[in-house]
Amino acid sequence: MTPLPGRAGLTPLPGRAGLTPLRWTKARRSDSTSACVEVMIDSGVHHVRDTKDAGVGPVVRLGAPDWRRLRDLLLGTHRSVLGTPTQVADLRITTHTDGFVTIERTGDGSMLRFTPVEVECFLDGLRRGEFDPLPQQAALTA
């Protein structure tokens, strides 16, 4: 997905032709150039990408139930499952002993790889509810 020209942070999604582009969000604790796990919510689907990929890398998509499973996994067991891959939908999530986290889509092998700093910023944003849907979006995920 290529960002829209002159509109930083806005990216068109397939099937949204003619609709307002959506904004990617990162945790407030992330700085402006790095340490960014970005999330966008569209029609109850959470899209996750890595800022380091400059908008051209893989995007992981999770429906509401799988997003909650990923969130709960990372918040509840982030440190206790070191080195053990966990399956969430078609994703394999692994917390490595060096603090990196990988999210790999098993169907096509595409992978997001987050540094320990990015993971901590993302976890902080998850704890603060920074990636929760807005009220009108929440109705779509119920």
Protein backbone atom coordinates (compact mmCIF):
# COMPACT_ATOMS: atom_id res chain seq x y z
CA MET A 1 0.00 0.00 0.00
CA THR A 2 1.41 3.34 -1.03
CA PRO A 3 0.65 6.40 1.10
CA LEU A 4 -1.40 9.10 -0.61
CA PRO A 5 0.78 11.90 -2.04
CA GLY A 6 1.05 14.88 0.29
CA ARG A 7 -1.09 13.23 2.96
CA ALA A 8 1.27 11.69 5.50
CA GLY A 9 -0.22 8.84 7.47
CA LEU A 10 -3.19 8.38 5.13
CA THR A 11 -3.37 5.22 3.06
CA PRO A 12 -6.05 3.99 0.68
CA LEU A 13 -7.28 0.45 1.25
CA PRO A 14 -8.55 -1.87 -1.46
CA GLY A 15 -12.33 -1.61 -1.77
CA ARG A 16 -12.43 1.93 -0.37
CA ALA A 17 -12.28 3.80 -3.69
CA GLY A 18 -13.97 7.16 -3.33
CA LEU A 19 -14.10 6.92 0.46
CA THR A 20 -12.11 9.02 2.90
CA PRO A 21 -8.66 7.50 3.53
CA LEU A 22 -8.04 6.24 7.03
CA ARG A 23 -5.30 7.40 9.39
CA TRP A 24 -2.69 5.08 10.84
CA THR A 25 -2.20 5.48 14.61
CA LYS A 26 0.88 4.77 16.68
CA ALA A 27 1.34 4.72 20.43
CA ARG A 28 1.86 8.17 21.94
CA ARG A 29 5.05 6.87 23.54
CA SER A 30 6.60 6.23 20.10
CA ASP A 31 8.82 8.93 18.68
CA SER A 32 8.24 10.44 15.24
CA THR A 33 10.78 8.42 13.26
CA SER A 34 11.11 5.03 14.91
CA ALA A 35 9.70 2.70 17.57
CA CYS A 36 6.39 2.53 15.76
CA VAL A 37 3.86 -0.23 15.47
CA GLU A 38 1.01 1.39 13.55
CA VAL A 39 -2.64 0.38 13.70
CA MET A 40 -5.60 1.44 11.58
CA ILE A 41 -9.20 0.35 12.14
CA ASP A 42 -11.63 0.04 9.24
CA SER A 43 -15.07 -1.58 9.55
CA GLY A 44 -14.04 -3.51 12.65
CA VAL A 45 -10.78 -4.81 11.15
CA HIS A 46 -7.45 -3.83 12.75
CA HIS A 47 -4.62 -3.35 10.24
CA VAL A 48 -1.10 -3.54 11.73
CA ARG A 49 2.14 -2.46 10.04
CA ASP A 50 5.70 -1.43 10.86
CA THR A 51 6.68 2.19 10.27
CA LYS A 52 10.22 1.10 9.30
CA ASP A 53 8.71 -0.39 6.13
CA ALA A 54 7.75 3.13 4.92
CA GLY A 55 4.23 2.06 3.99
CA VAL A 56 5.33 -0.57 1.48
CA GLY A 57 5.85 -3.57 3.77
CA PRO A 58 3.40 -6.20 4.94
CA VAL A 59 0.13 -5.29 6.64
CA VAL A 60 -1.50 -7.76 9.02
CA ARG A 61 -5.30 -7.67 9.19
CA LEU A 62 -7.24 -8.92 12.21
CA GLY A 63 -10.98 -9.05 12.80
CA ALA A 64 -12.22 -7.96 16.23
CA PRO A 65 -12.03 -11.41 17.93
CA ASP A 66 -8.50 -12.06 16.64
CA TRP A 67 -7.38 -8.51 17.56
CA ARG A 68 -8.58 -9.12 21.13
CA ARG A 69 -6.69 -12.45 21.20
CA LEU A 70 -3.50 -10.78 19.97
CA ARG A 71 -3.89 -7.91 22.46
CA ASP A 72 -4.58 -10.28 25.36
CA LEU A 73 -1.67 -12.52 24.36
CA LEU A 74 0.79 -9.62 24.23
CA LEU A 75 -0.47 -7.94 27.39
CA GLY A 76 -0.91 -11.10 29.43
CA THR A 77 1.94 -13.32 28.42
CA HIS A 78 4.42 -11.19 26.50
CA ARG A 79 7.38 -12.18 28.70
CA SER A 80 6.24 -15.66 29.70
CA VAL A 81 6.14 -17.25 26.23
CA LEU A 82 9.67 -16.45 25.12
CA GLY A 83 10.64 -18.41 22.04
CA THR A 84 7.32 -20.25 21.82
CA PRO A 85 5.24 -19.37 18.74
CA THR A 86 1.54 -18.80 19.39
CA GLN A 87 -1.06 -19.05 16.64
CA VAL A 88 -3.74 -16.32 16.34
CA ALA A 89 -5.89 -16.86 13.24
CA ASP A 90 -3.42 -17.22 10.34
CA LEU A 91 -0.65 -15.47 12.30
CA ARG A 92 2.27 -16.94 14.21
CA ILE A 93 3.39 -14.59 16.99
CA THR A 94 6.78 -15.22 18.59
CA THR A 95 8.41 -13.31 21.43
CA HIS A 96 12.13 -13.93 21.07
CA THR A 97 14.64 -14.10 23.93
CA ASP A 98 16.30 -10.90 22.66
CA GLY A 99 13.01 -8.99 23.14
CA PHE A 100 12.06 -8.83 19.46
CA VAL A 101 8.54 -9.91 18.45
CA THR A 102 7.69 -11.34 15.05
CA ILE A 103 4.23 -11.64 13.57
CA GLU A 104 4.28 -13.98 10.59
CA ARG A 105 1.36 -14.68 8.29
CA THR A 106 1.49 -18.46 7.82
CA GLY A 107 -0.23 -18.45 4.43
CA ASP A 108 2.29 -16.34 2.54
CA GLY A 109 5.23 -16.05 4.95
CA SER A 110 5.10 -12.26 5.17
CA MET A 111 6.49 -11.07 8.49
CA LEU A 112 6.53 -8.03 10.72
CA ARG A 113 9.54 -7.80 13.07
CA PHE A 114 9.40 -5.37 15.97
CA THR A 115 12.31 -4.24 18.14
CA PRO A 116 12.13 -4.39 21.95
CA VAL A 117 11.57 -0.60 22.06
CA GLU A 118 8.76 -0.83 19.49
CA VAL A 119 7.16 -3.66 21.46
CA GLU A 120 7.29 -1.71 24.73
CA CYS A 121 5.75 1.37 23.08
CA PHE A 122 3.05 -0.79 21.47
CA LEU A 123 2.28 -2.52 24.79
CA ASP A 124 2.02 0.89 26.46
CA GLY A 125 -0.45 2.00 23.79
CA LEU A 126 -2.45 -1.21 24.21
CA ARG A 127 -2.61 -0.70 27.99
CA ARG A 128 -3.83 2.89 27.50
CA GLY A 129 -6.48 1.87 24.96
CA GLU A 130 -4.87 3.94 22.21
CA PHE A 131 -5.80 1.35 19.56
CA ASP A 132 -9.37 0.77 20.71
CA PRO A 133 -12.04 1.59 18.15
CA LEU A 134 -13.95 4.85 18.37
CA PRO A 135 -17.56 4.43 19.59
CA GLN A 136 -18.99 4.35 16.05
CA GLN A 137 -16.37 1.74 15.03
CA ALA A 138 -16.99 -0.32 18.16
CA ALA A 139 -20.57 -0.93 17.03
CA LEU A 140 -19.18 -2.65 13.94
CA THR A 141 -17.08 -5.06 16.00
CA ALA A 142 -19.81 -6.19 18.40
